[in-house]
Amino acid sequence: MKKKFGFKFATVVLAIAGSALPCSAISQETASGWKFSVMPYVWLPGIKADVKYGPPSGGSASANVSADESDVLSNLQMAFMIAGEARKGQWFIATDYMYLDLGKVDSKVKSVDFNPGSGPINVSTTQVGGSSDSSFKGSIWSLAGGYAVINDPSVSLDLLAGIRYLGLEASSQWDLNAAVTSPSGTQTFNRAGNVKKTTDVTTLIIGAKGRFKLGQSDWFIPYYADFGGDGSTYTWQVASGLGYGFKWGDVRLDYRHLAYGHDNDKLLQKIELGGFALGANFRF
């Protein structure tokens, strides 16, 4: 496991370095007055999720599956992450794209809902026991525009508004110690099985970002926060950490937390991604 962990970590770091090197040769502002930045980064968050697959078996039964994974790197199949910004004067456009393909992680079938009538009838699987695993892969893409309210060398504040898209494919397989039967005895959730489902979520977001410089040094504290959603969906994200500035750009280490949630019958009931992100931001 340690060899596998080390190999994957080295592969991710080399991929980031390789994608960033071409940008370092460009360091001048364009003649049109536009300024650009590109930041490849690594973010390997822990994942907590509740997903609802609909009726995999037993009439209208549905399974809620919860996965909690802190060691994402050991299960990672593929990752690609990059952010960028174009700025002219006080105005800017920013984007952030992430793709994660997470292999099988330990999960738990928490309950089964039988719904023969006007409302759900929930049966816990705590006493049944057994094992299950889940996998997730998908993309998260944000696009926003904004205005610099404060643009001082010591502190900056940008207000932004835009959209965030989440495309997710989730799959689970379970092997319980016994089948789960509805209270009426007319429906049964199979002891073993598997299911796969996809979902797409697009939400509006508003937020703020910026940085605080630490005295006269090149160290600074970056910060970011946004939130959005509608009547049945919510999303929010916060990030902050520590960065160091160079002539070509900066390097930063942030802690980032991103959350989504639904209050309806869609696949994604709740997902939270949280962990440290390391990136190199190249300005040209």
Protein backbone atom coordinates (compact mmCIF):
# COMPACT_ATOMS: atom_id res chain seq x y z
CA MET A 1 0.00 0.00 0.00
CA LYS A 2 2.86 2.44 0.79
CA LYS A 3 4.48 1.79 -2.60
CA LYS A 4 1.13 2.39 -4.33
CA PHE A 5 0.59 5.59 -2.33
CA GLY A 6 4.07 6.92 -3.13
CA PHE A 7 3.81 6.12 -6.83
CA LYS A 8 0.46 7.89 -7.18
CA PHE A 9 1.66 10.93 -5.24
CA ALA A 10 4.77 11.23 -7.41
CA THR A 11 2.69 10.87 -10.57
CA VAL A 12 0.32 13.67 -9.53
CA VAL A 13 3.17 16.04 -8.57
CA LEU A 14 5.05 15.42 -11.82
CA ALA A 15 1.90 15.99 -13.85
CA ILE A 16 1.37 19.37 -12.19
CA ALA A 17 4.98 20.40 -12.67
CA GLY A 18 4.90 19.42 -16.32
CA SER A 19 1.72 21.36 -17.04
CA ALA A 20 3.01 24.44 -15.23
CA LEU A 21 6.48 24.77 -16.80
CA PRO A 22 5.38 26.29 -20.13
CA CYS A 23 3.66 29.15 -18.29
CA SER A 24 6.79 30.22 -16.39
CA ALA A 25 8.43 31.60 -19.52
CA ILE A 26 5.72 34.27 -19.91
CA SER A 27 5.72 37.10 -17.39
CA GLN A 28 4.70 40.31 -19.19
CA GLU A 29 1.35 42.05 -19.28
CA THR A 30 -0.33 41.87 -22.66
CA ALA A 31 -0.52 45.00 -24.83
CA SER A 32 -4.32 45.10 -24.49
CA GLY A 33 -4.14 45.59 -20.74
CA TRP A 34 -5.40 42.13 -19.88
CA LYS A 35 -3.65 40.14 -17.16
CA PHE A 36 -3.95 36.36 -16.97
CA SER A 37 -3.15 33.64 -14.45
CA VAL A 38 -3.18 29.85 -14.61
CA MET A 39 -2.96 27.60 -11.57
CA PRO A 40 -2.60 23.81 -11.82
CA TYR A 41 -3.20 22.32 -8.39
CA VAL A 42 -3.66 19.11 -6.43
CA TRP A 43 -6.66 18.69 -4.16
CA LEU A 44 -7.26 15.24 -2.69
CA PRO A 45 -10.20 15.75 -0.35
CA GLY A 46 -11.87 13.43 2.05
CA ILE A 47 -15.38 12.59 0.83
CA LYS A 48 -18.62 12.22 2.75
CA ALA A 49 -21.72 11.47 0.69
CA ASP A 50 -25.32 10.34 0.95
CA VAL A 51 -26.67 9.02 -2.34
CA LYS A 52 -30.12 7.67 -3.17
CA TYR A 53 -30.41 5.19 -6.02
CA GLY A 54 -34.17 4.72 -6.37
CA PRO A 55 -35.66 1.20 -6.47
CA PRO A 56 -32.78 -1.26 -7.03
CA SER A 57 -34.99 -4.09 -5.79
CA GLY A 58 -38.15 -4.81 -3.83
CA GLY A 59 -40.74 -2.70 -5.62
CA SER A 60 -40.31 0.95 -4.61
CA ALA A 61 -37.45 0.37 -2.19
CA SER A 62 -34.51 2.78 -2.28
CA ALA A 63 -31.13 2.60 -0.59
CA ASN A 64 -29.23 5.43 1.09
CA VAL A 65 -25.48 4.82 0.92
CA SER A 66 -22.97 6.78 2.99
CA ALA A 67 -19.25 6.81 2.12
CA ASP A 68 -16.61 8.43 4.33
CA GLU A 69 -13.08 8.37 2.90
CA SER A 70 -10.08 10.22 4.33
CA ASP A 71 -7.38 8.49 2.33
CA VAL A 72 -8.51 9.39 -1.19
CA LEU A 73 -5.06 9.04 -2.72
CA SER A 74 -4.88 5.31 -2.09
CA ASN A 75 -8.08 4.83 -4.15
CA LEU A 76 -7.57 7.53 -6.78
CA GLN A 77 -7.79 6.39 -10.40
CA MET A 78 -7.41 9.77 -12.12
CA ALA A 79 -7.39 13.47 -11.25
CA PHE A 80 -7.07 16.72 -13.20
CA MET A 81 -7.43 20.18 -11.63
CA ILE A 82 -6.76 23.67 -12.97
CA ALA A 83 -7.94 27.22 -12.30
CA GLY A 84 -7.52 30.40 -14.31
CA GLU A 85 -8.36 34.08 -14.37
CA ALA A 86 -8.46 36.93 -16.89
CA ARG A 87 -8.47 40.46 -15.48
CA LYS A 88 -8.67 43.94 -17.01
CA GLY A 89 -8.70 46.87 -14.65
CA GLN A 90 -11.14 46.18 -11.83
CA TRP A 91 -13.11 43.54 -13.78
CA PHE A 92 -12.27 39.84 -14.05
CA ILE A 93 -13.48 36.44 -15.25
CA ALA A 94 -12.41 33.32 -13.32
CA THR A 95 -12.87 29.59 -13.83
CA ASP A 96 -12.04 26.42 -11.92
CA TYR A 97 -12.26 22.85 -13.24
CA MET A 98 -11.75 19.58 -11.39
CA TYR A 99 -12.14 15.96 -12.48
CA LEU A 100 -11.88 13.10 -9.99
CA ASP A 101 -12.18 9.36 -10.57
CA LEU A 102 -12.23 7.71 -7.18
CA GLY A 103 -12.10 3.95 -7.05
CA LYS A 104 -13.97 1.79 -4.57
CA VAL A 105 -14.15 3.09 -1.02
CA ASP A 106 -15.77 1.51 2.03
CA SER A 107 -19.37 2.61 2.48
CA LYS A 108 -22.47 1.61 4.38
CA VAL A 109 -26.07 0.93 3.40
CA LYS A 110 -27.70 2.93 6.17
CA SER A 111 -31.35 2.24 5.49
CA VAL A 112 -33.95 1.13 2.97
CA ASP A 113 -37.08 3.15 2.25
CA PHE A 114 -40.29 1.31 1.33
CA ASN A 115 -42.91 3.66 -0.03
CA PRO A 116 -46.19 1.88 -0.83
CA GLY A 117 -48.38 4.81 0.09
CA SER A 118 -48.33 8.51 0.87
CA GLY A 119 -44.90 8.60 2.53
CA PRO A 120 -41.65 6.68 3.00
CA ILE A 121 -41.35 3.82 5.46
CA ASN A 122 -37.75 3.60 6.60
CA VAL A 123 -36.10 0.36 7.74
CA SER A 124 -32.64 0.57 9.29
CA THR A 125 -30.00 -1.95 8.24
CA THR A 126 -27.96 -1.49 11.42
CA GLN A 127 -29.00 -4.87 12.82
CA VAL A 128 -28.55 -6.64 9.49
CA GLY A 129 -24.83 -5.87 9.08
CA GLY A 130 -22.68 -6.77 6.09
CA SER A 131 -20.35 -4.87 3.78
CA SER A 132 -20.61 -2.46 0.86
CA ASP A 133 -18.45 -0.16 -1.22
CA SER A 134 -19.06 2.84 -3.43
CA SER A 135 -17.22 4.70 -6.16
CA PHE A 136 -17.52 8.25 -7.46
CA LYS A 137 -16.30 10.00 -10.57
CA GLY A 138 -17.24 13.29 -12.09
CA SER A 139 -16.46 16.92 -12.86
CA ILE A 140 -16.96 20.15 -10.95
CA TRP A 141 -16.70 23.33 -13.04
CA SER A 142 -17.17 26.91 -11.86
CA LEU A 143 -17.34 30.05 -14.01
CA ALA A 144 -17.74 33.51 -12.50
CA GLY A 145 -17.22 37.18 -13.23
CA GLY A 146 -16.62 39.93 -10.77
CA TYR A 147 -15.29 43.31 -9.69
CA ALA A 148 -12.36 44.26 -7.45
CA VAL A 149 -13.78 46.34 -4.60
CA ILE A 150 -10.37 46.63 -2.90
CA ASN A 151 -7.18 46.33 -4.93
CA ASP A 152 -4.31 47.33 -2.67
CA PRO A 153 -0.85 45.66 -2.45
CA SER A 154 -1.52 44.78 1.20
CA VAL A 155 -5.13 43.57 0.88
CA SER A 156 -7.58 42.74 -1.90
CA LEU A 157 -11.30 41.96 -2.08
CA ASP A 158 -13.15 40.72 -5.17
CA LEU A 159 -16.91 40.19 -5.37
CA LEU A 160 -18.09 37.56 -7.84
CA ALA A 161 -21.17 35.87 -9.29
CA GLY A 162 -21.50 32.92 -11.65
CA ILE A 163 -22.44 29.26 -11.98
CA ARG A 164 -21.16 25.90 -10.72
CA TYR A 165 -21.77 22.61 -12.52
CA LEU A 166 -21.48 19.16 -10.98
CA GLY A 167 -21.64 16.01 -13.10
CA LEU A 168 -21.46 12.89 -10.94
CA GLU A 169 -21.57 9.15 -11.54
CA ALA A 170 -21.97 7.07 -8.40
CA SER A 171 -22.11 3.30 -8.05
CA SER A 172 -22.45 0.97 -5.09
CA GLN A 173 -22.48 -2.71 -4.41
CA TRP A 174 -23.53 -4.37 -1.17
CA ASP A 175 -23.47 -7.76 0.49
CA LEU A 176 -25.63 -7.72 3.61
CA ASN A 177 -25.93 -10.57 6.07
CA ALA A 178 -29.66 -10.84 5.31
CA ALA A 179 -32.34 -9.35 3.08
CA VAL A 180 -34.35 -6.38 4.40
CA THR A 181 -38.14 -6.82 4.47
CA SER A 182 -40.73 -4.07 4.69
CA PRO A 183 -42.94 -3.88 7.82
CA SER A 184 -45.87 -5.19 5.80
CA GLY A 185 -43.82 -8.12 4.55
CA THR A 186 -44.78 -7.42 0.93
CA GLN A 187 -41.44 -5.97 -0.25
CA THR A 188 -37.87 -7.15 0.09
CA PHE A 189 -34.54 -5.40 -0.44
CA ASN A 190 -32.12 -8.05 -1.74
CA ARG A 191 -29.28 -9.19 0.48
CA ALA A 192 -26.71 -8.50 -2.29
CA GLY A 193 -26.73 -6.32 -5.36
CA ASN A 194 -25.23 -3.36 -7.19
CA VAL A 195 -26.48 -0.19 -8.87
CA LYS A 196 -25.08 2.78 -10.82
CA LYS A 197 -26.62 6.17 -11.50
CA THR A 198 -25.63 9.63 -12.79
CA THR A 199 -26.78 13.17 -12.04
CA ASP A 200 -26.11 16.72 -13.28
CA VAL A 201 -26.53 19.80 -11.08
CA THR A 202 -26.09 23.45 -12.13
CA THR A 203 -26.44 26.22 -9.55
CA LEU A 204 -25.94 29.98 -9.38
CA ILE A 205 -23.29 31.18 -6.94
CA ILE A 206 -22.21 34.49 -5.40
CA GLY A 207 -19.11 35.03 -3.31
CA ALA A 208 -15.91 36.87 -2.49
CA LYS A 209 -12.19 36.22 -2.69
CA GLY A 210 -8.91 38.01 -2.02
CA ARG A 211 -5.76 38.01 0.06
CA PHE A 212 -4.06 39.63 3.04
CA LYS A 213 -0.34 40.34 2.84
CA LEU A 214 1.64 39.53 5.98
CA GLY A 215 3.55 42.72 6.76
CA GLN A 216 6.30 43.64 4.29
CA SER A 217 7.11 40.02 3.45
CA ASP A 218 6.10 37.99 0.39
CA TRP A 219 3.84 35.77 2.49
CA PHE A 220 0.10 36.21 2.25
CA ILE A 221 -3.18 34.62 3.34
CA PRO A 222 -5.59 33.85 0.46
CA TYR A 223 -9.32 33.44 1.12
CA TYR A 224 -12.38 32.40 -0.85
CA ALA A 225 -16.07 31.85 -0.06
CA ASP A 226 -19.22 31.33 -2.12
CA PHE A 227 -22.73 29.96 -1.75
CA GLY A 228 -25.70 29.33 -4.00
CA GLY A 229 -28.61 27.09 -4.93
CA ASP A 230 -32.36 27.22 -5.35
CA GLY A 231 -35.40 25.89 -3.53
CA SER A 232 -34.27 22.25 -3.55
CA THR A 233 -30.49 22.49 -3.99
CA TYR A 234 -27.70 24.21 -2.08
CA THR A 235 -23.96 24.52 -2.53
CA TRP A 236 -21.21 26.37 -0.68
CA GLN A 237 -17.44 26.49 -0.68
CA VAL A 238 -14.77 28.04 1.55
CA ALA A 239 -10.98 28.04 1.28
CA SER A 240 -8.05 29.70 3.03
CA GLY A 241 -4.42 28.96 3.72
CA LEU A 242 -0.94 30.37 3.23
CA GLY A 243 0.89 31.54 0.10
CA TYR A 244 4.25 32.94 -0.95
CA GLY A 245 4.74 35.38 -3.83
CA PHE A 246 7.41 35.28 -6.55
CA LYS A 247 8.03 37.49 -9.58
CA TRP A 248 6.34 34.91 -11.84
CA GLY A 249 3.38 34.23 -9.56
CA ASP A 250 2.87 32.45 -6.25
CA VAL A 251 2.62 29.07 -4.53
CA ARG A 252 -0.14 28.41 -2.04
CA LEU A 253 -1.39 25.74 0.33
CA ASP A 254 -5.11 26.00 1.14
CA TYR A 255 -7.65 24.06 3.08
CA ARG A 256 -10.75 23.81 0.88
CA HIS A 257 -14.24 22.56 1.67
CA LEU A 258 -17.00 22.16 -0.92
CA ALA A 259 -20.55 20.97 -0.22
CA TYR A 260 -23.67 20.10 -2.22
CA GLY A 261 -27.10 19.00 -1.05
CA HIS A 262 -30.64 18.21 -2.22
CA ASP A 263 -33.95 17.82 -0.41
CA ASN A 264 -35.67 15.78 -3.15
CA ASP A 265 -35.41 12.30 -4.66
CA LYS A 266 -32.38 12.91 -6.88
CA LEU A 267 -29.28 10.71 -6.74
CA LEU A 268 -27.16 13.17 -4.78
CA GLN A 269 -28.63 13.84 -1.35
CA LYS A 270 -25.46 15.31 0.13
CA ILE A 271 -21.75 15.37 -0.69
CA GLU A 272 -18.91 17.15 1.10
CA LEU A 273 -15.32 17.36 -0.13
CA GLY A 274 -12.72 18.69 2.30
CA GLY A 275 -8.91 18.70 2.39
CA PHE A 276 -5.67 20.53 1.60
CA ALA A 277 -4.91 21.84 -1.90
CA LEU A 278 -1.43 22.71 -3.20
CA GLY A 279 -1.08 24.89 -6.30
CA ALA A 280 1.33 27.03 -8.31
CA ASN A 281 -0.26 30.19 -9.76
CA PHE A 282 1.49 31.57 -12.86
CA ARG A 283 0.76 35.15 -13.96
CA PHE A 284 1.33 36.51 -17.45
